[in-house]
Amino acid sequence: AERATLFVNPAKLTDACHKVLSEAKIDVAEYRSVVDA
């Protein structure tokens, strides 16, 4: 309801990507950690 998490390889994200995600309150986590989440 408040935030979201994108599970992806963080090394693939540019600074521009991080900016877009941050503005939308989307956190970034390792791709394979989705199962634990």
Full PDB file with SEQRES, HELIX, SHEET, SSBOND, CRYST1, ORIGX, SCALE, CONECT and MASTER records, all heavy atoms in Angstrom:
SEQRES   1 A   37  ALA GLU ARG ALA THR LEU PHE VAL ASN PRO ALA LYS LEU          
SEQRES   2 A   37  THR ASP ALA CYS HIS LYS VAL LEU SER GLU ALA LYS ILE          
SEQRES   3 A   37  ASP VAL ALA GLU TYR ARG SER VAL VAL ASP ALA                  
HELIX    1 AA1 PRO A   10  LYS A   12  5                                   3    
HELIX    2 AA2 ASP A   15  GLU A   23  1                                   9    
HELIX    3 AA3 TYR A   31  VAL A   34  5                                   4    
SHEET    1 AA1 2 ALA A   4  PHE A   7  0                                        
SHEET    2 AA1 2 ILE A  26  ALA A  29  1                                        
CRYST1    1.000    1.000    1.000  90.00  90.00  90.00 P 1           1          
ORIGX1      1.000000  0.000000  0.000000        0.00000                         
ORIGX2      0.000000  1.000000  0.000000        0.00000                         
ORIGX3      0.000000  0.000000  1.000000        0.00000                         
SCALE1      1.000000  0.000000  0.000000        0.00000                         
SCALE2      0.000000  1.000000  0.000000        0.00000                         
SCALE3      0.000000  0.000000  1.000000        0.00000                         
ATOM      1  N   ALA A   1       0.803  -1.221   0.000  1.00  0.00           N  
ATOM      2  CA  ALA A   1       0.000   0.000   0.000  1.00  0.00           C  
ATOM      3  C   ALA A   1       0.838   1.274   0.000  1.00  0.00           C  
ATOM      4  O   ALA A   1       0.378   2.328  -0.455  1.00  0.00           O  
ATOM      5  CB  ALA A   1      -0.943  -0.001   1.201  1.00  0.00           C  
ATOM      6  N   GLU A   2       2.080   1.215   0.489  1.00  0.00           N  
ATOM      7  CA  GLU A   2       2.900   2.413   0.621  1.00  0.00           C  
ATOM      8  C   GLU A   2       4.147   2.412  -0.254  1.00  0.00           C  
ATOM      9  O   GLU A   2       4.520   3.428  -0.826  1.00  0.00           O  
ATOM     10  CB  GLU A   2       3.318   2.598   2.093  1.00  0.00           C  
ATOM     11  CG  GLU A   2       2.148   2.768   3.050  1.00  0.00           C  
ATOM     12  CD  GLU A   2       1.363   4.050   2.797  1.00  0.00           C  
ATOM     13  OE1 GLU A   2       1.967   5.018   2.280  1.00  0.00           O  
ATOM     14  OE2 GLU A   2       0.157   4.072   3.118  1.00  0.00           O  
ATOM     15  N   ARG A   3       4.798   1.251  -0.344  1.00  0.00           N  
ATOM     16  CA  ARG A   3       6.055   1.174  -1.083  1.00  0.00           C  
ATOM     17  C   ARG A   3       6.044  -0.029  -2.019  1.00  0.00           C  
ATOM     18  O   ARG A   3       5.073  -0.819  -2.026  1.00  0.00           O  
ATOM     19  CB  ARG A   3       7.258   1.078  -0.128  1.00  0.00           C  
ATOM     20  CG  ARG A   3       7.401   2.267   0.818  1.00  0.00           C  
ATOM     21  CD  ARG A   3       8.773   2.262   1.486  1.00  0.00           C  
ATOM     22  NE  ARG A   3       9.854   2.513   0.534  1.00  0.00           N  
ATOM     23  CZ  ARG A   3      10.266   3.736   0.197  1.00  0.00           C  
ATOM     24  NH1 ARG A   3       9.698   4.811   0.716  1.00  0.00           N  
ATOM     25  NH2 ARG A   3      11.279   3.880  -0.651  1.00  0.00           N  
ATOM     26  N   ALA A   4       7.097  -0.164  -2.779  1.00  0.00           N  
ATOM     27  CA  ALA A   4       7.261  -1.311  -3.664  1.00  0.00           C  
ATOM     28  C   ALA A   4       8.739  -1.681  -3.687  1.00  0.00           C  
ATOM     29  O   ALA A   4       9.609  -0.863  -3.338  1.00  0.00           O  
ATOM     30  CB  ALA A   4       6.767  -1.001  -5.065  1.00  0.00           C  
ATOM     31  N   THR A   5       9.040  -2.900  -4.089  1.00  0.00           N  
ATOM     32  CA  THR A   5      10.428  -3.354  -4.189  1.00  0.00           C  
ATOM     33  C   THR A   5      10.639  -3.994  -5.551  1.00  0.00           C  
ATOM     34  O   THR A   5       9.878  -4.883  -5.959  1.00  0.00           O  
ATOM     35  CB  THR A   5      10.767  -4.372  -3.088  1.00  0.00           C  
ATOM     36  OG1 THR A   5      10.546  -3.778  -1.805  1.00  0.00           O  
ATOM     37  CG2 THR A   5      12.216  -4.812  -3.198  1.00  0.00           C  
ATOM     38  N   LEU A   6      11.683  -3.537  -6.245  1.00  0.00           N  
ATOM     39  CA  LEU A   6      12.075  -4.114  -7.528  1.00  0.00           C  
ATOM     40  C   LEU A   6      13.233  -5.067  -7.270  1.00  0.00           C  
ATOM     41  O   LEU A   6      14.297  -4.662  -6.804  1.00  0.00           O  
ATOM     42  CB  LEU A   6      12.498  -3.023  -8.505  1.00  0.00           C  
ATOM     43  CG  LEU A   6      12.956  -3.496  -9.896  1.00  0.00           C  
ATOM     44  CD1 LEU A   6      11.800  -4.128 -10.659  1.00  0.00           C  
ATOM     45  CD2 LEU A   6      13.552  -2.331 -10.692  1.00  0.00           C  
ATOM     46  N   PHE A   7      13.006  -6.342  -7.557  1.00  0.00           N  
ATOM     47  CA  PHE A   7      14.036  -7.358  -7.381  1.00  0.00           C  
ATOM     48  C   PHE A   7      14.762  -7.531  -8.713  1.00  0.00           C  
ATOM     49  O   PHE A   7      14.211  -8.065  -9.683  1.00  0.00           O  
ATOM     50  CB  PHE A   7      13.408  -8.670  -6.921  1.00  0.00           C  
ATOM     51  CG  PHE A   7      12.721  -8.564  -5.583  1.00  0.00           C  
ATOM     52  CD1 PHE A   7      11.386  -8.171  -5.507  1.00  0.00           C  
ATOM     53  CD2 PHE A   7      13.407  -8.832  -4.410  1.00  0.00           C  
ATOM     54  CE1 PHE A   7      10.744  -8.068  -4.277  1.00  0.00           C  
ATOM     55  CE2 PHE A   7      12.780  -8.724  -3.169  1.00  0.00           C  
ATOM     56  CZ  PHE A   7      11.453  -8.331  -3.102  1.00  0.00           C  
ATOM     57  N   VAL A   8      16.009  -7.065  -8.747  1.00  0.00           N  
ATOM     58  CA  VAL A   8      16.765  -7.003  -9.989  1.00  0.00           C  
ATOM     59  C   VAL A   8      18.245  -6.948  -9.634  1.00  0.00           C  
ATOM     60  O   VAL A   8      18.602  -6.628  -8.494  1.00  0.00           O  
ATOM     61  CB  VAL A   8      16.341  -5.746 -10.808  1.00  0.00           C  
ATOM     62  CG1 VAL A   8      16.766  -4.480 -10.101  1.00  0.00           C  
ATOM     63  CG2 VAL A   8      16.848  -5.784 -12.234  1.00  0.00           C  
ATOM     64  N   ASN A   9      19.088  -7.242 -10.587  1.00  0.00           N  
ATOM     65  CA  ASN A   9      20.518  -7.059 -10.365  1.00  0.00           C  
ATOM     66  C   ASN A   9      20.801  -5.557 -10.287  1.00  0.00           C  
ATOM     67  O   ASN A   9      20.679  -4.846 -11.278  1.00  0.00           O  
ATOM     68  CB  ASN A   9      21.296  -7.684 -11.525  1.00  0.00           C  
ATOM     69  CG  ASN A   9      22.801  -7.507 -11.392  1.00  0.00           C  
ATOM     70  OD1 ASN A   9      23.293  -6.890 -10.445  1.00  0.00           O  
ATOM     71  ND2 ASN A   9      23.528  -8.041 -12.354  1.00  0.00           N  
ATOM     72  N   PRO A  10      21.188  -5.031  -9.123  1.00  0.00           N  
ATOM     73  CA  PRO A  10      21.380  -3.582  -8.971  1.00  0.00           C  
ATOM     74  C   PRO A  10      22.427  -3.005  -9.917  1.00  0.00           C  
ATOM     75  O   PRO A  10      22.354  -1.822 -10.281  1.00  0.00           O  
ATOM     76  CB  PRO A  10      21.841  -3.446  -7.506  1.00  0.00           C  
ATOM     77  CG  PRO A  10      21.321  -4.667  -6.827  1.00  0.00           C  
ATOM     78  CD  PRO A  10      21.414  -5.760  -7.854  1.00  0.00           C  
ATOM     79  N   ALA A  11      23.374  -3.825 -10.342  1.00  0.00           N  
ATOM     80  CA  ALA A  11      24.430  -3.345 -11.234  1.00  0.00           C  
ATOM     81  C   ALA A  11      23.881  -2.954 -12.602  1.00  0.00           C  
ATOM     82  O   ALA A  11      24.549  -2.244 -13.363  1.00  0.00           O  
ATOM     83  CB  ALA A  11      25.509  -4.414 -11.387  1.00  0.00           C  
ATOM     84  N   LYS A  12      22.680  -3.402 -12.924  1.00  0.00           N  
ATOM     85  CA  LYS A  12      22.071  -3.096 -14.217  1.00  0.00           C  
ATOM     86  C   LYS A  12      21.410  -1.721 -14.236  1.00  0.00           C  
ATOM     87  O   LYS A  12      21.036  -1.220 -15.294  1.00  0.00           O  
ATOM     88  CB  LYS A  12      21.029  -4.171 -14.573  1.00  0.00           C  
ATOM     89  CG  LYS A  12      21.626  -5.549 -14.823  1.00  0.00           C  
ATOM     90  CD  LYS A  12      20.564  -6.650 -14.796  1.00  0.00           C  
ATOM     91  CE  LYS A  12      19.503  -6.465 -15.849  1.00  0.00           C  
ATOM     92  NZ  LYS A  12      20.016  -6.690 -17.211  1.00  0.00           N  
ATOM     93  N   LEU A  13      21.239  -1.108 -13.064  1.00  0.00           N  
ATOM     94  CA  LEU A  13      20.507   0.153 -12.958  1.00  0.00           C  
ATOM     95  C   LEU A  13      21.451   1.353 -13.070  1.00  0.00           C  
ATOM     96  O   LEU A  13      22.460   1.433 -12.378  1.00  0.00           O  
ATOM     97  CB  LEU A  13      19.760   0.221 -11.624  1.00  0.00           C  
ATOM     98  CG  LEU A  13      18.657  -0.818 -11.411  1.00  0.00           C  
ATOM     99  CD1 LEU A  13      18.185  -0.787  -9.959  1.00  0.00           C  
ATOM    100  CD2 LEU A  13      17.486  -0.570 -12.356  1.00  0.00           C  
ATOM    101  N   THR A  14      21.106   2.284 -13.924  1.00  0.00           N  
ATOM    102  CA  THR A  14      21.866   3.531 -14.048  1.00  0.00           C  
ATOM    103  C   THR A  14      21.410   4.518 -12.976  1.00  0.00           C  
ATOM    104  O   THR A  14      20.404   4.294 -12.277  1.00  0.00           O  
ATOM    105  CB  THR A  14      21.646   4.154 -15.430  1.00  0.00           C  
ATOM    106  OG1 THR A  14      20.252   4.508 -15.558  1.00  0.00           O  
ATOM    107  CG2 THR A  14      22.030   3.195 -16.542  1.00  0.00           C  
ATOM    108  N   ASP A  15      22.128   5.630 -12.846  1.00  0.00           N  
ATOM    109  CA  ASP A  15      21.720   6.670 -11.898  1.00  0.00           C  
ATOM    110  C   ASP A  15      20.333   7.200 -12.235  1.00  0.00           C  
ATOM    111  O   ASP A  15      19.530   7.484 -11.334  1.00  0.00           O  
ATOM    112  CB  ASP A  15      22.732   7.817 -11.912  1.00  0.00           C  
ATOM    113  CG  ASP A  15      24.075   7.425 -11.300  1.00  0.00           C  
ATOM    114  OD1 ASP A  15      24.108   6.410 -10.563  1.00  0.00           O  
ATOM    115  OD2 ASP A  15      25.071   8.127 -11.569  1.00  0.00           O  
ATOM    116  N   ALA A  16      20.049   7.313 -13.525  1.00  0.00           N  
ATOM    117  CA  ALA A  16      18.728   7.795 -13.949  1.00  0.00           C  
ATOM    118  C   ALA A  16      17.634   6.823 -13.520  1.00  0.00           C  
ATOM    119  O   ALA A  16      16.539   7.237 -13.105  1.00  0.00           O  
ATOM    120  CB  ALA A  16      18.711   7.997 -15.463  1.00  0.00           C  
ATOM    121  N   CYS A  17      17.927   5.533 -13.591  1.00  0.00           N  
ATOM    122  CA  CYS A  17      16.949   4.527 -13.152  1.00  0.00           C  
ATOM    123  C   CYS A  17      16.696   4.655 -11.652  1.00  0.00           C  
ATOM    124  O   CYS A  17      15.545   4.623 -11.193  1.00  0.00           O  
ATOM    125  CB  CYS A  17      17.455   3.128 -13.467  1.00  0.00           C  
ATOM    126  SG  CYS A  17      17.546   2.721 -15.218  1.00  0.00           S  
ATOM    127  N   HIS A  18      17.770   4.780 -10.878  1.00  0.00           N  
ATOM    128  CA  HIS A  18      17.628   4.917  -9.423  1.00  0.00           C  
ATOM    129  C   HIS A  18      16.789   6.152  -9.074  1.00  0.00           C  
ATOM    130  O   HIS A  18      15.981   6.117  -8.141  1.00  0.00           O  
ATOM    131  CB  HIS A  18      19.008   5.027  -8.768  1.00  0.00           C  
ATOM    132  CG  HIS A  18      19.698   3.710  -8.590  1.00  0.00           C  
ATOM    133  ND1 HIS A  18      19.256   2.748  -7.712  1.00  0.00           N  
ATOM    134  CD2 HIS A  18      20.816   3.199  -9.187  1.00  0.00           C  
ATOM    135  CE1 HIS A  18      20.056   1.699  -7.746  1.00  0.00           C  
ATOM    136  NE2 HIS A  18      21.021   1.938  -8.637  1.00  0.00           N  
ATOM    137  N   LYS A  19      16.967   7.214  -9.825  1.00  0.00           N  
ATOM    138  CA  LYS A  19      16.213   8.439  -9.570  1.00  0.00           C  
ATOM    139  C   LYS A  19      14.717   8.220  -9.797  1.00  0.00           C  
ATOM    140  O   LYS A  19      13.880   8.607  -8.970  1.00  0.00           O  
ATOM    141  CB  LYS A  19      16.713   9.568 -10.476  1.00  0.00           C  
ATOM    142  CG  LYS A  19      16.059  10.927 -10.244  1.00  0.00           C  
ATOM    143  CD  LYS A  19      16.728  11.995 -11.106  1.00  0.00           C  
ATOM    144  CE  LYS A  19      16.156  13.387 -10.798  1.00  0.00           C  
ATOM    145  NZ  LYS A  19      14.735  13.507 -11.195  1.00  0.00           N  
ATOM    146  N   VAL A  20      14.380   7.575 -10.909  1.00  0.00           N  
ATOM    147  CA  VAL A  20      12.975   7.296 -11.221  1.00  0.00           C  
ATOM    148  C   VAL A  20      12.352   6.394 -10.151  1.00  0.00           C  
ATOM    149  O   VAL A  20      11.226   6.632  -9.691  1.00  0.00           O  
ATOM    150  CB  VAL A  20      12.858   6.632 -12.615  1.00  0.00           C  
ATOM    151  CG1 VAL A  20      11.463   6.050 -12.819  1.00  0.00           C  
ATOM    152  CG2 VAL A  20      13.171   7.640 -13.709  1.00  0.00           C  
ATOM    153  N   LEU A  21      13.071   5.361  -9.746  1.00  0.00           N  
ATOM    154  CA  LEU A  21      12.557   4.431  -8.744  1.00  0.00           C  
ATOM    155  C   LEU A  21      12.407   5.103  -7.385  1.00  0.00           C  
ATOM    156  O   LEU A  21      11.405   4.899  -6.689  1.00  0.00           O  
ATOM    157  CB  LEU A  21      13.490   3.226  -8.640  1.00  0.00           C  
ATOM    158  CG  LEU A  21      13.590   2.339  -9.891  1.00  0.00           C  
ATOM    159  CD1 LEU A  21      14.671   1.282  -9.719  1.00  0.00           C  
ATOM    160  CD2 LEU A  21      12.250   1.684 -10.202  1.00  0.00           C  
ATOM    161  N   SER A  22      13.386   5.909  -7.010  1.00  0.00           N  
ATOM    162  CA  SER A  22      13.335   6.594  -5.717  1.00  0.00           C  
ATOM    163  C   SER A  22      12.148   7.540  -5.644  1.00  0.00           C  
ATOM    164  O   SER A  22      11.455   7.610  -4.612  1.00  0.00           O  
ATOM    165  CB  SER A  22      14.639   7.352  -5.483  1.00  0.00           C  
ATOM    166  OG  SER A  22      14.587   8.083  -4.274  1.00  0.00           O  
ATOM    167  N   GLU A  23      11.915   8.282  -6.717  1.00  0.00           N  
ATOM    168  CA  GLU A  23      10.789   9.223  -6.742  1.00  0.00           C  
ATOM    169  C   GLU A  23       9.451   8.514  -6.581  1.00  0.00           C  
ATOM    170  O   GLU A  23       8.490   9.090  -6.058  1.00  0.00           O  
ATOM    171  CB  GLU A  23      10.816  10.013  -8.048  1.00  0.00           C  
ATOM    172  CG  GLU A  23      11.972  11.017  -8.146  1.00  0.00           C  
ATOM    173  CD  GLU A  23      12.050  11.680  -9.506  1.00  0.00           C  
ATOM    174  OE1 GLU A  23      11.355  11.212 -10.440  1.00  0.00           O  
ATOM    175  OE2 GLU A  23      12.805  12.661  -9.650  1.00  0.00           O  
ATOM    176  N   ALA A  24       9.379   7.265  -7.027  1.00  0.00           N  
ATOM    177  CA  ALA A  24       8.133   6.494  -6.922  1.00  0.00           C  
ATOM    178  C   ALA A  24       8.089   5.618  -5.679  1.00  0.00           C  
ATOM    179  O   ALA A  24       7.170   4.810  -5.523  1.00  0.00           O  
ATOM    180  CB  ALA A  24       7.971   5.626  -8.170  1.00  0.00           C  
ATOM    181  N   LYS A  25       9.082   5.790  -4.785  1.00  0.00           N  
ATOM    182  CA  LYS A  25       9.165   5.006  -3.550  1.00  0.00           C  
ATOM    183  C   LYS A  25       9.256   3.511  -3.839  1.00  0.00           C  
ATOM    184  O   LYS A  25       8.561   2.687  -3.238  1.00  0.00           O  
ATOM    185  CB  LYS A  25       7.979   5.297  -2.631  1.00  0.00           C  
ATOM    186  CG  LYS A  25       7.923   6.738  -2.146  1.00  0.00           C  
ATOM    187  CD  LYS A  25       6.751   6.970  -1.203  1.00  0.00           C  
ATOM    188  CE  LYS A  25       6.715   8.403  -0.708  1.00  0.00           C  
ATOM    189  NZ  LYS A  25       5.583   8.661   0.208  1.00  0.00           N  
ATOM    190  N   ILE A  26      10.133   3.182  -4.786  1.00  0.00           N  
ATOM    191  CA  ILE A  26      10.412   1.787  -5.115  1.00  0.00           C  
ATOM    192  C   ILE A  26      11.828   1.453  -4.645  1.00  0.00           C  
ATOM    193  O   ILE A  26      12.797   2.053  -5.107  1.00  0.00           O  
ATOM    194  CB  ILE A  26      10.291   1.524  -6.635  1.00  0.00           C  
ATOM    195  CG1 ILE A  26       8.863   1.823  -7.122  1.00  0.00           C  
ATOM    196  CG2 ILE A  26      10.663   0.078  -6.957  1.00  0.00           C  
ATOM    197  CD1 ILE A  26       8.677   1.633  -8.615  1.00  0.00           C  
ATOM    198  N   ASP A  27      11.930   0.518  -3.720  1.00  0.00           N  
ATOM    199  CA  ASP A  27      13.234   0.062  -3.239  1.00  0.00           C  
ATOM    200  C   ASP A  27      13.817  -0.957  -4.227  1.00  0.00           C  
ATOM    201  O   ASP A  27      13.095  -1.540  -5.048  1.00  0.00           O  
ATOM    202  CB  ASP A  27      13.099  -0.572  -1.855  1.00  0.00           C  
ATOM    203  CG  ASP A  27      12.510   0.398  -0.838  1.00  0.00           C  
ATOM    204  OD1 ASP A  27      12.925   1.571  -0.838  1.00  0.00           O  
ATOM    205  OD2 ASP A  27      11.611  -0.023  -0.071  1.00  0.00           O  
ATOM    206  N   VAL A  28      15.108  -1.191  -4.111  1.00  0.00           N  
ATOM    207  CA  VAL A  28      15.792  -2.154  -4.969  1.00  0.00           C  
ATOM    208  C   VAL A  28      16.396  -3.251  -4.114  1.00  0.00           C  
ATOM    209  O   VAL A  28      17.007  -2.989  -3.083  1.00  0.00           O  
ATOM    210  CB  VAL A  28      16.906  -1.472  -5.801  1.00  0.00           C  
ATOM    211  CG1 VAL A  28      17.677  -2.509  -6.618  1.00  0.00           C  
ATOM    212  CG2 VAL A  28      16.296  -0.413  -6.711  1.00  0.00           C  
ATOM    213  N   ALA A  29      16.178  -4.517  -4.533  1.00  0.00           N  
ATOM    214  CA  ALA A  29      16.748  -5.660  -3.830  1.00  0.00           C  
ATOM    215  C   ALA A  29      17.295  -6.648  -4.854  1.00  0.00           C  
ATOM    216  O   ALA A  29      16.929  -6.602  -6.035  1.00  0.00           O  
ATOM    217  CB  ALA A  29      15.693  -6.329  -2.951  1.00  0.00           C  
ATOM    218  N   GLU A  30      18.180  -7.543  -4.407  1.00  0.00           N  
ATOM    219  CA  GLU A  30      18.753  -8.539  -5.301  1.00  0.00           C  
ATOM    220  C   GLU A  30      17.654  -9.413  -5.917  1.00  0.00           C  
ATOM    221  O   GLU A  30      16.682  -9.772  -5.251  1.00  0.00           O  
ATOM    222  CB  GLU A  30      19.748  -9.427  -4.545  1.00  0.00           C  
ATOM    223  CG  GLU A  30      21.061  -8.757  -4.217  1.00  0.00           C  
ATOM    224  CD  GLU A  30      21.952  -8.616  -5.447  1.00  0.00           C  
ATOM    225  OE1 GLU A  30      21.618  -9.197  -6.502  1.00  0.00           O  
ATOM    226  OE2 GLU A  30      22.965  -7.904  -5.348  1.00  0.00           O  
ATOM    227  N   TYR A  31      17.848  -9.756  -7.172  1.00  0.00           N  
ATOM    228  CA  TYR A  31      16.847 -10.503  -7.938  1.00  0.00           C  
ATOM    229  C   TYR A  31      16.402 -11.773  -7.216  1.00  0.00           C  
ATOM    230  O   TYR A  31      15.198 -12.020  -7.061  1.00  0.00           O  
ATOM    231  CB  TYR A  31      17.424 -10.840  -9.314  1.00  0.00           C  
ATOM    232  CG  TYR A  31      16.575 -11.775 -10.135  1.00  0.00           C  
ATOM    233  CD1 TYR A  31      15.352 -11.354 -10.669  1.00  0.00           C  
ATOM    234  CD2 TYR A  31      16.990 -13.079 -10.389  1.00  0.00           C  
ATOM    235  CE1 TYR A  31      14.569 -12.211 -11.429  1.00  0.00           C  
ATOM    236  CE2 TYR A  31      16.218 -13.931 -11.159  1.00  0.00           C  
ATOM    237  CZ  TYR A  31      15.008 -13.501 -11.673  1.00  0.00           C  
ATOM    238  OH  TYR A  31      14.239 -14.360 -12.430  1.00  0.00           O  
ATOM    239  N   ARG A  32      17.346 -12.560  -6.753  1.00  0.00           N  
ATOM    240  CA  ARG A  32      17.003 -13.869  -6.182  1.00  0.00           C  
ATOM    241  C   ARG A  32      16.445 -13.781  -4.762  1.00  0.00           C  
ATOM    242  O   ARG A  32      16.010 -14.794  -4.211  1.00  0.00           O  
ATOM    243  CB  ARG A  32      18.228 -14.778  -6.207  1.00  0.00           C  
ATOM    244  CG  ARG A  32      18.743 -15.044  -7.623  1.00  0.00           C  
ATOM    245  CD  ARG A  32      19.874 -16.054  -7.635  1.00  0.00           C  
ATOM    246  NE  ARG A  32      20.458 -16.175  -8.961  1.00  0.00           N  
ATOM    247  CZ  ARG A  32      19.961 -16.893  -9.962  1.00  0.00           C  
ATOM    248  NH1 ARG A  32      18.830 -17.570  -9.762  1.00  0.00           N  
ATOM    249  NH2 ARG A  32      20.561 -16.955 -11.136  1.00  0.00           N  
ATOM    250  N   SER A  33      16.436 -12.597  -4.163  1.00  0.00           N  
ATOM    251  CA  SER A  33      15.920 -12.467  -2.796  1.00  0.00           C  
ATOM    252  C   SER A  33      14.400 -12.369  -2.752  1.00  0.00           C  
ATOM    253  O   SER A  33      13.823 -12.267  -1.669  1.00  0.00           O  
ATOM    254  CB  SER A  33      16.539 -11.244  -2.119  1.00  0.00           C  
ATOM    255  OG  SER A  33      16.103 -10.033  -2.734  1.00  0.00           O  
ATOM    256  N   VAL A  34      13.746 -12.424  -3.907  1.00  0.00           N  
ATOM    257  CA  VAL A  34      12.290 -12.296  -3.937  1.00  0.00           C  
ATOM    258  C   VAL A  34      11.617 -13.431  -3.173  1.00  0.00           C  
ATOM    259  O   VAL A  34      10.595 -13.226  -2.503  1.00  0.00           O  
ATOM    260  CB  VAL A  34      11.772 -12.233  -5.390  1.00  0.00           C  
ATOM    261  CG1 VAL A  34      12.066 -13.519  -6.143  1.00  0.00           C  
ATOM    262  CG2 VAL A  34      10.283 -11.929  -5.422  1.00  0.00           C  
ATOM    263  N   VAL A  35      12.186 -14.632  -3.246  1.00  0.00           N  
ATOM    264  CA  VAL A  35      11.565 -15.780  -2.564  1.00  0.00           C  
ATOM    265  C   VAL A  35      11.544 -15.556  -1.059  1.00  0.00           C  
ATOM    266  O   VAL A  35      10.539 -15.832  -0.386  1.00  0.00           O  
ATOM    267  CB  VAL A  35      12.314 -17.082  -2.923  1.00  0.00           C  
ATOM    268  CG1 VAL A  35      11.736 -18.259  -2.129  1.00  0.00           C  
ATOM    269  CG2 VAL A  35      12.209 -17.362  -4.414  1.00  0.00           C  
ATOM    270  N   ASP A  36      12.657 -15.060  -0.518  1.00  0.00           N  
ATOM    271  CA  ASP A  36      12.707 -14.784   0.925  1.00  0.00           C  
ATOM    272  C   ASP A  36      11.764 -13.646   1.300  1.00  0.00           C  
ATOM    273  O   ASP A  36      11.141 -13.669   2.374  1.00  0.00           O  
ATOM    274  CB  ASP A  36      14.134 -14.430   1.339  1.00  0.00           C  
ATOM    275  CG  ASP A  36      15.075 -15.627   1.242  1.00  0.00           C  
ATOM    276  OD1 ASP A  36      14.598 -16.762   1.414  1.00  0.00           O  
ATOM    277  OD2 ASP A  36      16.275 -15.413   0.967  1.00  0.00           O  
ATOM    278  N   ALA A  37      11.638 -12.634   0.432  1.00  0.00           N  
ATOM    279  CA  ALA A  37      10.731 -11.517   0.707  1.00  0.00           C  
ATOM    280  C   ALA A  37       9.284 -11.997   0.745  1.00  0.00           C  
ATOM    281  O   ALA A  37       8.495 -11.581   1.611  1.00  0.00           O  
ATOM    282  CB  ALA A  37      10.904 -10.430  -0.350  1.00  0.00           C  
TER     283      ALA A  37                                                      
MASTER        0    0    0    3    2    0    0    6  282    1    0    3          
END                                                                             
